[in-house]
PDB file of all heavy atoms in Angstrom:
ATOM      1  N   VAL A   1     -20.662 -29.020  41.932  1.00  0.00           N
ATOM      2  CA  VAL A   1     -22.098 -28.827  41.698  1.00  0.00           C
ATOM      3  C   VAL A   1     -22.673 -30.012  40.923  1.00  0.00           C
ATOM      4  O   VAL A   1     -23.705 -30.582  41.286  1.00  0.00           O
ATOM      5  CB  VAL A   1     -22.359 -27.511  40.938  1.00  0.00           C
ATOM      6  CG1 VAL A   1     -23.806 -27.440  40.463  1.00  0.00           C
ATOM      7  CG2 VAL A   1     -22.027 -26.314  41.828  1.00  0.00           C
ATOM      8  N   PHE A   2     -21.967 -30.415  39.857  1.00  0.00           N
ATOM      9  CA  PHE A   2     -22.484 -31.502  39.012  1.00  0.00           C
ATOM     10  C   PHE A   2     -22.204 -32.874  39.637  1.00  0.00           C
ATOM     11  O   PHE A   2     -22.975 -33.820  39.440  1.00  0.00           O
ATOM     12  CB  PHE A   2     -21.876 -31.393  37.613  1.00  0.00           C
ATOM     13  CG  PHE A   2     -22.434 -30.232  36.838  1.00  0.00           C
ATOM     14  CD1 PHE A   2     -21.868 -28.966  36.955  1.00  0.00           C
ATOM     15  CD2 PHE A   2     -23.549 -30.375  36.031  1.00  0.00           C
ATOM     16  CE1 PHE A   2     -22.391 -27.878  36.263  1.00  0.00           C
ATOM     17  CE2 PHE A   2     -24.083 -29.306  35.341  1.00  0.00           C
ATOM     18  CZ  PHE A   2     -23.509 -28.048  35.463  1.00  0.00           C
ATOM     19  N   ALA A   3     -21.102 -32.981  40.384  1.00  0.00           N
ATOM     20  CA  ALA A   3     -20.840 -34.227  41.099  1.00  0.00           C
ATOM     21  C   ALA A   3     -21.899 -34.454  42.168  1.00  0.00           C
ATOM     22  O   ALA A   3     -22.371 -35.579  42.390  1.00  0.00           O
ATOM     23  CB  ALA A   3     -19.454 -34.189  41.733  1.00  0.00           C
ATOM     24  N   LEU A   4     -22.312 -33.362  42.821  1.00  0.00           N
ATOM     25  CA  LEU A   4     -23.364 -33.455  43.835  1.00  0.00           C
ATOM     26  C   LEU A   4     -24.693 -33.880  43.215  1.00  0.00           C
ATOM     27  O   LEU A   4     -25.447 -34.649  43.817  1.00  0.00           O
ATOM     28  CB  LEU A   4     -23.516 -32.111  44.543  1.00  0.00           C
ATOM     29  CG  LEU A   4     -24.552 -32.054  45.682  1.00  0.00           C
ATOM     30  CD1 LEU A   4     -24.197 -33.053  46.769  1.00  0.00           C
ATOM     31  CD2 LEU A   4     -24.634 -30.637  46.255  1.00  0.00           C
ATOM     32  N   MET A   5     -24.965 -33.396  42.007  1.00  0.00           N
ATOM     33  CA  MET A   5     -26.189 -33.822  41.302  1.00  0.00           C
ATOM     34  C   MET A   5     -26.178 -35.333  41.088  1.00  0.00           C
ATOM     35  O   MET A   5     -27.200 -36.017  41.278  1.00  0.00           O
ATOM     36  CB  MET A   5     -26.295 -33.114  39.954  1.00  0.00           C
ATOM     37  CG  MET A   5     -26.605 -31.643  40.032  1.00  0.00           C
ATOM     38  SD  MET A   5     -26.746 -30.944  38.360  1.00  0.00           S
ATOM     39  CE  MET A   5     -26.763 -29.190  38.755  1.00  0.00           C
ATOM     40  N   ASP A   6     -25.025 -35.862  40.677  1.00  0.00           N
ATOM     41  CA  ASP A   6     -24.922 -37.310  40.475  1.00  0.00           C
ATOM     42  C   ASP A   6     -25.143 -38.055  41.790  1.00  0.00           C
ATOM     43  O   ASP A   6     -25.795 -39.106  41.824  1.00  0.00           O
ATOM     44  CB  ASP A   6     -23.544 -37.664  39.910  1.00  0.00           C
ATOM     45  CG  ASP A   6     -23.441 -37.359  38.429  1.00  0.00           C
ATOM     46  OD1 ASP A   6     -24.487 -37.168  37.786  1.00  0.00           O
ATOM     47  OD2 ASP A   6     -22.304 -37.301  37.911  1.00  0.00           O
ATOM     48  N   GLY A   7     -24.572 -37.504  42.872  1.00  0.00           N
ATOM     49  CA  GLY A   7     -24.745 -38.130  44.170  1.00  0.00           C
ATOM     50  C   GLY A   7     -26.192 -38.134  44.616  1.00  0.00           C
ATOM     51  O   GLY A   7     -26.694 -39.146  45.125  1.00  0.00           O
ATOM     52  N   LEU A   8     -26.895 -37.018  44.418  1.00  0.00           N
ATOM     53  CA  LEU A   8     -28.310 -36.941  44.782  1.00  0.00           C
ATOM     54  C   LEU A   8     -29.149 -37.898  43.944  1.00  0.00           C
ATOM     55  O   LEU A   8     -30.084 -38.539  44.446  1.00  0.00           O
ATOM     56  CB  LEU A   8     -28.807 -35.502  44.608  1.00  0.00           C
ATOM     57  CG  LEU A   8     -28.242 -34.467  45.594  1.00  0.00           C
ATOM     58  CD1 LEU A   8     -28.678 -33.063  45.198  1.00  0.00           C
ATOM     59  CD2 LEU A   8     -28.678 -34.782  47.022  1.00  0.00           C
ATOM     60  N   ALA A   9     -28.815 -37.984  42.641  1.00  0.00           N
ATOM     61  CA  ALA A   9     -29.527 -38.921  41.771  1.00  0.00           C
ATOM     62  C   ALA A   9     -29.321 -40.357  42.241  1.00  0.00           C
ATOM     63  O   ALA A   9     -30.249 -41.181  42.205  1.00  0.00           O
ATOM     64  CB  ALA A   9     -29.046 -38.750  40.330  1.00  0.00           C
ATOM     65  N   ALA A  10     -28.091 -40.673  42.718  1.00  0.00           N
ATOM     66  CA  ALA A  10     -27.820 -42.019  43.238  1.00  0.00           C
ATOM     67  C   ALA A  10     -28.608 -42.284  44.519  1.00  0.00           C
ATOM     68  O   ALA A  10     -28.946 -43.434  44.826  1.00  0.00           O
ATOM     69  CB  ALA A  10     -26.323 -42.183  43.502  1.00  0.00           C
ATOM     70  N   PHE A  11     -28.911 -41.231  45.262  1.00  0.00           N
ATOM     71  CA  PHE A  11     -29.756 -41.367  46.446  1.00  0.00           C
ATOM     72  C   PHE A  11     -31.219 -41.589  46.073  1.00  0.00           C
ATOM     73  O   PHE A  11     -32.043 -41.938  46.910  1.00  0.00           O
ATOM     74  CB  PHE A  11     -29.667 -40.109  47.319  1.00  0.00           C
ATOM     75  CG  PHE A  11     -28.681 -40.211  48.435  1.00  0.00           C
ATOM     76  CD1 PHE A  11     -27.652 -39.305  48.551  1.00  0.00           C
ATOM     77  CD2 PHE A  11     -28.791 -41.207  49.396  1.00  0.00           C
ATOM     78  CE1 PHE A  11     -26.735 -39.384  49.591  1.00  0.00           C
ATOM     79  CE2 PHE A  11     -27.887 -41.298  50.441  1.00  0.00           C
ATOM     80  CZ  PHE A  11     -26.850 -40.383  50.538  1.00  0.00           C
ATOM     81  N   GLY A  12     -31.554 -41.327  44.798  1.00  0.00           N
ATOM     82  CA  GLY A  12     -32.939 -41.461  44.359  1.00  0.00           C
ATOM     83  C   GLY A  12     -33.707 -40.171  44.370  1.00  0.00           C
ATOM     84  O   GLY A  12     -34.941 -40.160  44.254  1.00  0.00           O
ATOM     85  N   VAL A  13     -32.982 -39.037  44.492  1.00  0.00           N
ATOM     86  CA  VAL A  13     -33.634 -37.728  44.502  1.00  0.00           C
ATOM     87  C   VAL A  13     -34.002 -37.329  43.077  1.00  0.00           C
ATOM     88  O   VAL A  13     -33.167 -37.420  42.164  1.00  0.00           O
ATOM     89  CB  VAL A  13     -32.706 -36.654  45.125  1.00  0.00           C
ATOM     90  CG1 VAL A  13     -33.361 -35.275  45.052  1.00  0.00           C
ATOM     91  CG2 VAL A  13     -32.373 -37.022  46.562  1.00  0.00           C
ATOM     92  N   ASP A  14     -35.222 -36.893  42.876  1.00  0.00           N
ATOM     93  CA  ASP A  14     -35.680 -36.446  41.557  1.00  0.00           C
ATOM     94  C   ASP A  14     -35.213 -35.004  41.337  1.00  0.00           C
ATOM     95  O   ASP A  14     -35.660 -34.080  42.025  1.00  0.00           O
ATOM     96  CB  ASP A  14     -37.207 -36.526  41.485  1.00  0.00           C
ATOM     97  CG  ASP A  14     -37.739 -36.154  40.093  1.00  0.00           C
ATOM     98  OD1 ASP A  14     -36.914 -35.964  39.176  1.00  0.00           O
ATOM     99  OD2 ASP A  14     -38.972 -36.057  39.935  1.00  0.00           O
ATOM    100  N   LEU A  15     -34.307 -34.825  40.385  1.00  0.00           N
ATOM    101  CA  LEU A  15     -33.742 -33.503  40.139  1.00  0.00           C
ATOM    102  C   LEU A  15     -34.614 -32.639  39.236  1.00  0.00           C
ATOM    103  O   LEU A  15     -34.347 -31.441  39.070  1.00  0.00           O
ATOM    104  CB  LEU A  15     -32.344 -33.643  39.525  1.00  0.00           C
ATOM    105  CG  LEU A  15     -31.309 -34.389  40.388  1.00  0.00           C
ATOM    106  CD1 LEU A  15     -29.987 -34.522  39.630  1.00  0.00           C
ATOM    107  CD2 LEU A  15     -31.088 -33.679  41.702  1.00  0.00           C
ATOM    108  N   GLY A  16     -35.623 -33.228  38.616  1.00  0.00           N
ATOM    109  CA  GLY A  16     -36.553 -32.462  37.790  1.00  0.00           C
ATOM    110  C   GLY A  16     -35.878 -31.746  36.637  1.00  0.00           C
ATOM    111  O   GLY A  16     -35.085 -32.345  35.888  1.00  0.00           O
ATOM    112  N   PRO A  17     -36.150 -30.437  36.479  1.00  0.00           N
ATOM    113  CA  PRO A  17     -35.575 -29.663  35.364  1.00  0.00           C
ATOM    114  C   PRO A  17     -34.046 -29.635  35.380  1.00  0.00           C
ATOM    115  O   PRO A  17     -33.414 -29.532  34.338  1.00  0.00           O
ATOM    116  CB  PRO A  17     -36.144 -28.253  35.572  1.00  0.00           C
ATOM    117  CG  PRO A  17     -37.337 -28.436  36.443  1.00  0.00           C
ATOM    118  CD  PRO A  17     -37.054 -29.621  37.297  1.00  0.00           C
ATOM    119  N   VAL A  18     -33.486 -29.728  36.575  1.00  0.00           N
ATOM    120  CA  VAL A  18     -32.017 -29.711  36.687  1.00  0.00           C
ATOM    121  C   VAL A  18     -31.415 -30.919  35.981  1.00  0.00           C
ATOM    122  O   VAL A  18     -30.365 -30.828  35.347  1.00  0.00           O
ATOM    123  CB  VAL A  18     -31.590 -29.692  38.173  1.00  0.00           C
ATOM    124  CG1 VAL A  18     -30.073 -29.731  38.292  1.00  0.00           C
ATOM    125  CG2 VAL A  18     -32.145 -28.463  38.871  1.00  0.00           C
ATOM    126  N   GLN A  19     -32.101 -32.059  36.079  1.00  0.00           N
ATOM    127  CA  GLN A  19     -31.625 -33.273  35.403  1.00  0.00           C
ATOM    128  C   GLN A  19     -31.597 -33.072  33.889  1.00  0.00           C
ATOM    129  O   GLN A  19     -30.659 -33.525  33.217  1.00  0.00           O
ATOM    130  CB  GLN A  19     -32.528 -34.453  35.754  1.00  0.00           C
ATOM    131  CG  GLN A  19     -32.123 -35.774  35.125  1.00  0.00           C
ATOM    132  CD  GLN A  19     -30.813 -36.291  35.669  1.00  0.00           C
ATOM    133  OE1 GLN A  19     -30.552 -36.199  36.867  1.00  0.00           O
ATOM    134  NE2 GLN A  19     -29.979 -36.839  34.791  1.00  0.00           N
ATOM    135  N   VAL A  20     -32.590 -32.393  33.371  1.00  0.00           N
ATOM    136  CA  VAL A  20     -32.635 -32.125  31.928  1.00  0.00           C
ATOM    137  C   VAL A  20     -31.444 -31.279  31.515  1.00  0.00           C
ATOM    138  O   VAL A  20     -30.788 -31.534  30.503  1.00  0.00           O
ATOM    139  CB  VAL A  20     -33.946 -31.400  31.560  1.00  0.00           C
ATOM    140  CG1 VAL A  20     -33.964 -31.050  30.072  1.00  0.00           C
ATOM    141  CG2 VAL A  20     -35.150 -32.279  31.909  1.00  0.00           C
ATOM    142  N   MET A  21     -31.131 -30.252  32.323  1.00  0.00           N
ATOM    143  CA  MET A  21     -29.977 -29.404  32.032  1.00  0.00           C
ATOM    144  C   MET A  21     -28.682 -30.205  32.074  1.00  0.00           C
ATOM    145  O   MET A  21     -27.803 -30.049  31.228  1.00  0.00           O
ATOM    146  CB  MET A  21     -29.917 -28.266  33.053  1.00  0.00           C
ATOM    147  CG  MET A  21     -28.734 -27.319  32.858  1.00  0.00           C
ATOM    148  SD  MET A  21     -28.493 -26.193  34.238  1.00  0.00           S
ATOM    149  CE  MET A  21     -27.872 -27.325  35.497  1.00  0.00           C
ATOM    150  N   LYS A  22     -28.584 -31.094  33.059  1.00  0.00           N
ATOM    151  CA  LYS A  22     -27.385 -31.918  33.195  1.00  0.00           C
ATOM    152  C   LYS A  22     -27.222 -32.869  32.015  1.00  0.00           C
ATOM    153  O   LYS A  22     -26.106 -33.102  31.534  1.00  0.00           O
ATOM    154  CB  LYS A  22     -27.464 -32.710  34.504  1.00  0.00           C
ATOM    155  CG  LYS A  22     -26.219 -33.505  34.848  1.00  0.00           C
ATOM    156  CD  LYS A  22     -26.290 -34.042  36.260  1.00  0.00           C
ATOM    157  CE  LYS A  22     -27.259 -35.190  36.381  1.00  0.00           C
ATOM    158  NZ  LYS A  22     -26.699 -36.453  35.868  1.00  0.00           N
ATOM    159  N   ASP A  23     -28.347 -33.388  31.524  1.00  0.00           N
ATOM    160  CA  ASP A  23     -28.294 -34.386  30.459  1.00  0.00           C
ATOM    161  C   ASP A  23     -27.879 -33.814  29.105  1.00  0.00           C
ATOM    162  O   ASP A  23     -27.469 -34.572  28.219  1.00  0.00           O
ATOM    163  CB  ASP A  23     -29.660 -35.069  30.320  1.00  0.00           C
ATOM    164  CG  ASP A  23     -29.957 -35.996  31.490  1.00  0.00           C
ATOM    165  OD1 ASP A  23     -29.010 -36.352  32.212  1.00  0.00           O
ATOM    166  OD2 ASP A  23     -31.141 -36.362  31.680  1.00  0.00           O
ATOM    167  N   ILE A  24     -27.994 -32.488  28.937  1.00  0.00           N
ATOM    168  CA  ILE A  24     -27.626 -31.903  27.645  1.00  0.00           C
ATOM    169  C   ILE A  24     -26.137 -31.582  27.567  1.00  0.00           C
ATOM    170  O   ILE A  24     -25.628 -31.235  26.500  1.00  0.00           O
ATOM    171  CB  ILE A  24     -28.440 -30.624  27.356  1.00  0.00           C
ATOM    172  CG1 ILE A  24     -28.106 -29.525  28.365  1.00  0.00           C
ATOM    173  CG2 ILE A  24     -29.921 -30.919  27.331  1.00  0.00           C
ATOM    174  CD1 ILE A  24     -28.779 -28.195  28.059  1.00  0.00           C
ATOM    175  N   LEU A  25     -25.422 -31.749  28.671  1.00  0.00           N
ATOM    176  CA  LEU A  25     -23.985 -31.489  28.658  1.00  0.00           C
ATOM    177  C   LEU A  25     -23.249 -32.580  27.889  1.00  0.00           C
ATOM    178  O   LEU A  25     -23.691 -33.731  27.848  1.00  0.00           O
ATOM    179  CB  LEU A  25     -23.448 -31.413  30.088  1.00  0.00           C
ATOM    180  CG  LEU A  25     -23.824 -30.177  30.901  1.00  0.00           C
ATOM    181  CD1 LEU A  25     -23.384 -30.354  32.348  1.00  0.00           C
ATOM    182  CD2 LEU A  25     -23.181 -28.930  30.303  1.00  0.00           C
ATOM    183  N   PRO A  26     -22.106 -32.221  27.283  1.00  0.00           N
ATOM    184  CA  PRO A  26     -21.307 -33.234  26.564  1.00  0.00           C
ATOM    185  C   PRO A  26     -20.896 -34.373  27.497  1.00  0.00           C
ATOM    186  O   PRO A  26     -20.613 -34.150  28.674  1.00  0.00           O
ATOM    187  CB  PRO A  26     -20.082 -32.436  26.093  1.00  0.00           C
ATOM    188  CG  PRO A  26     -20.528 -31.013  26.076  1.00  0.00           C
ATOM    189  CD  PRO A  26     -21.531 -30.875  27.182  1.00  0.00           C
ATOM    190  N   LEU A  27     -20.895 -35.585  26.963  1.00  0.00           N
ATOM    191  CA  LEU A  27     -20.464 -36.801  27.662  1.00  0.00           C
ATOM    192  C   LEU A  27     -21.409 -37.221  28.790  1.00  0.00           C
ATOM    193  O   LEU A  27     -21.073 -38.102  29.584  1.00  0.00           O
ATOM    194  CB  LEU A  27     -19.040 -36.638  28.231  1.00  0.00           C
ATOM    195  CG  LEU A  27     -17.951 -36.235  27.227  1.00  0.00           C
ATOM    196  CD1 LEU A  27     -16.617 -36.052  27.937  1.00  0.00           C
ATOM    197  CD2 LEU A  27     -17.816 -37.283  26.135  1.00  0.00           C
ATOM    198  N   SER A  28     -22.598 -36.621  28.861  1.00  0.00           N
ATOM    199  CA  SER A  28     -23.530 -36.980  29.939  1.00  0.00           C
ATOM    200  C   SER A  28     -23.976 -38.440  29.834  1.00  0.00           C
ATOM    201  O   SER A  28     -24.217 -39.094  30.852  1.00  0.00           O
ATOM    202  CB  SER A  28     -24.748 -36.056  29.920  1.00  0.00           C
ATOM    203  OG  SER A  28     -25.462 -36.191  28.699  1.00  0.00           O
ATOM    204  N   SER A  29     -24.061 -38.953  28.609  1.00  0.00           N
ATOM    205  CA  SER A  29     -24.479 -40.345  28.432  1.00  0.00           C
ATOM    206  C   SER A  29     -23.471 -41.322  29.018  1.00  0.00           C
ATOM    207  O   SER A  29     -23.795 -42.473  29.306  1.00  0.00           O
ATOM    208  CB  SER A  29     -24.683 -40.652  26.944  1.00  0.00           C
ATOM    209  OG  SER A  29     -23.473 -40.476  26.225  1.00  0.00           O
ATOM    210  N   MET A  30     -22.235 -40.869  29.191  1.00  0.00           N
ATOM    211  CA  MET A  30     -21.183 -41.709  29.765  1.00  0.00           C
ATOM    212  C   MET A  30     -20.984 -41.444  31.257  1.00  0.00           C
ATOM    213  O   MET A  30     -20.098 -42.010  31.881  1.00  0.00           O
ATOM    214  CB  MET A  30     -19.851 -41.468  29.043  1.00  0.00           C
ATOM    215  CG  MET A  30     -19.873 -41.781  27.572  1.00  0.00           C
ATOM    216  SD  MET A  30     -18.264 -41.444  26.825  1.00  0.00           S
ATOM    217  CE  MET A  30     -18.566 -41.887  25.112  1.00  0.00           C
ATOM    218  N   GLY A  31     -21.765 -40.542  31.818  1.00  0.00           N
ATOM    219  CA  GLY A  31     -21.590 -40.188  33.217  1.00  0.00           C
ATOM    220  C   GLY A  31     -20.432 -39.247  33.456  1.00  0.00           C
ATOM    221  O   GLY A  31     -19.938 -39.115  34.583  1.00  0.00           O
ATOM    222  N   LEU A  32     -19.991 -38.567  32.390  1.00  0.00           N
ATOM    223  CA  LEU A  32     -18.838 -37.662  32.491  1.00  0.00           C
ATOM    224  C   LEU A  32     -19.235 -36.211  32.231  1.00  0.00           C
ATOM    225  O   LEU A  32     -18.430 -35.414  31.769  1.00  0.00           O
ATOM    226  CB  LEU A  32     -17.748 -38.087  31.489  1.00  0.00           C
ATOM    227  CG  LEU A  32     -17.187 -39.497  31.651  1.00  0.00           C
ATOM    228  CD1 LEU A  32     -16.230 -39.811  30.511  1.00  0.00           C
ATOM    229  CD2 LEU A  32     -16.478 -39.654  32.991  1.00  0.00           C
ATOM    230  N   GLN A  33     -20.475 -35.869  32.550  1.00  0.00           N
ATOM    231  CA  GLN A  33     -20.942 -34.516  32.282  1.00  0.00           C
ATOM    232  C   GLN A  33     -20.225 -33.457  33.126  1.00  0.00           C
ATOM    233  O   GLN A  33     -20.318 -32.271  32.842  1.00  0.00           O
ATOM    234  CB  GLN A  33     -22.454 -34.416  32.530  1.00  0.00           C
ATOM    235  CG  GLN A  33     -22.909 -34.642  33.948  1.00  0.00           C
ATOM    236  CD  GLN A  33     -22.977 -36.098  34.321  1.00  0.00           C
ATOM    237  OE1 GLN A  33     -22.999 -36.976  33.457  1.00  0.00           O
ATOM    238  NE2 GLN A  33     -22.986 -36.384  35.612  1.00  0.00           N
ATOM    239  N   TRP A  34     -19.497 -33.893  34.143  1.00  0.00           N
ATOM    240  CA  TRP A  34     -18.768 -32.962  35.000  1.00  0.00           C
ATOM    241  C   TRP A  34     -17.494 -32.419  34.343  1.00  0.00           C
ATOM    242  O   TRP A  34     -16.911 -31.438  34.839  1.00  0.00           O
ATOM    243  CB  TRP A  34     -18.399 -33.645  36.315  1.00  0.00           C
ATOM    244  CG  TRP A  34     -17.621 -34.915  36.133  1.00  0.00           C
ATOM    245  CD1 TRP A  34     -18.131 -36.175  36.045  1.00  0.00           C
ATOM    246  CD2 TRP A  34     -16.197 -35.052  35.983  1.00  0.00           C
ATOM    247  NE1 TRP A  34     -17.125 -37.093  35.848  1.00  0.00           N
ATOM    248  CE2 TRP A  34     -15.938 -36.432  35.815  1.00  0.00           C
ATOM    249  CE3 TRP A  34     -15.137 -34.156  35.983  1.00  0.00           C
ATOM    250  CZ2 TRP A  34     -14.643 -36.914  35.648  1.00  0.00           C
ATOM    251  CZ3 TRP A  34     -13.851 -34.627  35.815  1.00  0.00           C
ATOM    252  CH2 TRP A  34     -13.610 -36.000  35.654  1.00  0.00           C
ATOM    253  N   ILE A  35     -17.047 -33.012  33.244  1.00  0.00           N
ATOM    254  CA  ILE A  35     -15.774 -32.614  32.641  1.00  0.00           C
ATOM    255  C   ILE A  35     -15.816 -31.183  32.123  1.00  0.00           C
ATOM    256  O   ILE A  35     -14.897 -30.381  32.386  1.00  0.00           O
ATOM    257  CB  ILE A  35     -15.379 -33.597  31.514  1.00  0.00           C
ATOM    258  CG1 ILE A  35     -14.967 -34.939  32.118  1.00  0.00           C
ATOM    259  CG2 ILE A  35     -14.231 -33.023  30.679  1.00  0.00           C
ATOM    260  CD1 ILE A  35     -14.523 -35.971  31.107  1.00  0.00           C
ATOM    261  N   LEU A  36     -16.864 -30.809  31.387  1.00  0.00           N
ATOM    262  CA  LEU A  36     -16.957 -29.445  30.869  1.00  0.00           C
ATOM    263  C   LEU A  36     -17.015 -28.418  32.003  1.00  0.00           C
ATOM    264  O   LEU A  36     -16.265 -27.423  31.978  1.00  0.00           O
ATOM    265  CB  LEU A  36     -18.171 -29.306  29.942  1.00  0.00           C
ATOM    266  CG  LEU A  36     -18.376 -27.913  29.331  1.00  0.00           C
ATOM    267  CD1 LEU A  36     -17.155 -27.504  28.509  1.00  0.00           C
ATOM    268  CD2 LEU A  36     -19.638 -27.879  28.466  1.00  0.00           C
ATOM    269  N   PRO A  37     -17.874 -28.598  33.024  1.00  0.00           N
ATOM    270  CA  PRO A  37     -17.845 -27.664  34.150  1.00  0.00           C
ATOM    271  C   PRO A  37     -16.481 -27.581  34.836  1.00  0.00           C
ATOM    272  O   PRO A  37     -16.076 -26.501  35.274  1.00  0.00           O
ATOM    273  CB  PRO A  37     -18.903 -28.232  35.108  1.00  0.00           C
ATOM    274  CG  PRO A  37     -19.839 -28.971  34.231  1.00  0.00           C
ATOM    275  CD  PRO A  37     -18.992 -29.561  33.149  1.00  0.00           C
ATOM    276  N   ALA A  38     -15.782 -28.707  34.909  1.00  0.00           N
ATOM    277  CA  ALA A  38     -14.449 -28.688  35.520  1.00  0.00           C
ATOM    278  C   ALA A  38     -13.492 -27.815  34.719  1.00  0.00           C
ATOM    279  O   ALA A  38     -12.709 -27.040  35.285  1.00  0.00           O
ATOM    280  CB  ALA A  38     -13.902 -30.112  35.621  1.00  0.00           C
ATOM    281  N   LEU A  39     -13.548 -27.941  33.394  1.00  0.00           N
ATOM    282  CA  LEU A  39     -12.687 -27.119  32.538  1.00  0.00           C
ATOM    283  C   LEU A  39     -13.056 -25.637  32.646  1.00  0.00           C
ATOM    284  O   LEU A  39     -12.178 -24.765  32.710  1.00  0.00           O
ATOM    285  CB  LEU A  39     -12.805 -27.588  31.088  1.00  0.00           C
ATOM    286  CG  LEU A  39     -12.256 -28.988  30.791  1.00  0.00           C
ATOM    287  CD1 LEU A  39     -12.584 -29.390  29.350  1.00  0.00           C
ATOM    288  CD2 LEU A  39     -10.746 -29.040  31.025  1.00  0.00           C
TER     289      LEU A  39
END
């Protein structure tokens, strides 16, 4: 789910509120926000 968000963002898709939710996850500044969902 979160890897797909990164892929859509790379396509230039505006994720809107979803992007805000993704950005509050740990390690999001490093592009590793998928780690917590994976665990």
